[in-house]
Amino acid sequence: MFGVTANVVDAQTGSEQTTNEFRFTWAKVDTDSANQRKVVPKTYQEAMLWLEGRRALEMGDEIRGLRTQKR
């Protein structure tokens, strides 16, 4: 997962405000499961980032499922 935070800076005051957060996830589909590597977080912080990414993917899957049901 790769995250980007978008901020706006007021040129007059110099104050900064977060306006959006983006998450990008890439996956390689490999039909040969013997060649797939398991990635294991080493630190607590990495584990929390991994968990946040997994939850975001699950939420995206759920939203896409709801959208296809409405059509």
Protein backbone atom coordinates (compact mmCIF):
# COMPACT_ATOMS: atom_id res chain seq x y z
CA MET A 1 0.00 0.00 0.00
CA PHE A 2 1.17 3.49 -0.81
CA GLY A 3 -0.39 6.55 0.77
CA VAL A 4 -0.46 10.20 -0.24
CA THR A 5 -1.81 13.09 1.82
CA ALA A 6 -3.00 16.21 0.00
CA ASN A 7 -2.65 19.51 1.86
CA VAL A 8 -3.67 23.06 1.01
CA VAL A 9 -1.52 25.97 2.21
CA ASP A 10 -3.02 29.44 2.66
CA ALA A 11 -0.51 31.75 0.95
CA GLN A 12 -1.39 34.69 3.19
CA THR A 13 -1.25 33.01 6.59
CA GLY A 14 0.93 29.98 5.85
CA SER A 15 -1.59 27.71 7.58
CA GLU A 16 -1.84 24.19 6.20
CA GLN A 17 -4.89 21.94 6.09
CA THR A 18 -5.19 18.31 5.00
CA THR A 19 -7.87 18.05 2.32
CA ASN A 20 -7.65 14.42 1.24
CA GLU A 21 -5.84 11.12 1.73
CA PHE A 22 -5.26 8.66 -1.10
CA ARG A 23 -4.33 4.96 -0.87
CA PHE A 24 -2.88 3.00 -3.75
CA THR A 25 -2.47 -0.77 -3.76
CA TRP A 26 -0.82 -2.96 -6.37
CA ALA A 27 -1.10 -6.71 -6.75
CA LYS A 28 0.50 -9.20 -9.05
CA VAL A 29 -1.77 -12.04 -10.06
CA ASP A 30 0.29 -15.21 -10.29
CA THR A 31 -1.48 -18.48 -10.94
CA ASP A 32 1.55 -20.41 -9.68
CA SER A 33 1.12 -20.17 -5.90
CA ALA A 34 4.56 -21.73 -5.35
CA ASN A 35 6.15 -18.50 -6.63
CA GLN A 36 4.16 -16.18 -4.34
CA ARG A 37 6.07 -14.56 -1.48
CA LYS A 38 4.48 -13.95 1.88
CA VAL A 39 5.13 -10.51 3.30
CA VAL A 40 5.20 -10.30 7.08
CA PRO A 41 5.41 -6.98 8.94
CA LYS A 42 8.51 -6.71 11.17
CA THR A 43 7.40 -3.92 13.48
CA TYR A 44 4.19 -2.96 15.24
CA GLN A 45 3.94 0.16 13.06
CA GLU A 46 4.27 -1.92 9.88
CA ALA A 47 1.63 -4.32 11.20
CA MET A 48 -0.80 -1.45 11.83
CA LEU A 49 -0.19 -0.06 8.33
CA TRP A 50 -0.75 -3.53 6.86
CA LEU A 51 -3.97 -3.92 8.86
CA GLU A 52 -5.19 -0.48 7.76
CA GLY A 53 -4.50 -1.40 4.13
CA ARG A 54 -6.29 -4.73 4.42
CA ARG A 55 -9.34 -3.05 5.94
CA ALA A 56 -9.37 -0.43 3.17
CA LEU A 57 -9.27 -3.18 0.53
CA GLU A 58 -12.11 -5.06 2.22
CA MET A 59 -14.19 -1.86 2.42
CA GLY A 60 -13.52 -1.19 -1.28
CA ASP A 61 -14.62 -4.72 -2.15
CA GLU A 62 -17.81 -4.25 -0.14
CA ILE A 63 -18.59 -0.90 -1.80
CA ARG A 64 -17.99 -2.33 -5.28
CA GLY A 65 -20.28 -5.24 -4.43
CA LEU A 66 -23.07 -2.89 -3.34
CA ARG A 67 -22.70 -0.82 -6.51
CA THR A 68 -23.02 -3.87 -8.76
CA GLN A 69 -26.13 -5.06 -6.87
CA LYS A 70 -27.93 -1.77 -7.56
CA ARG A 71 -27.54 -2.08 -11.33
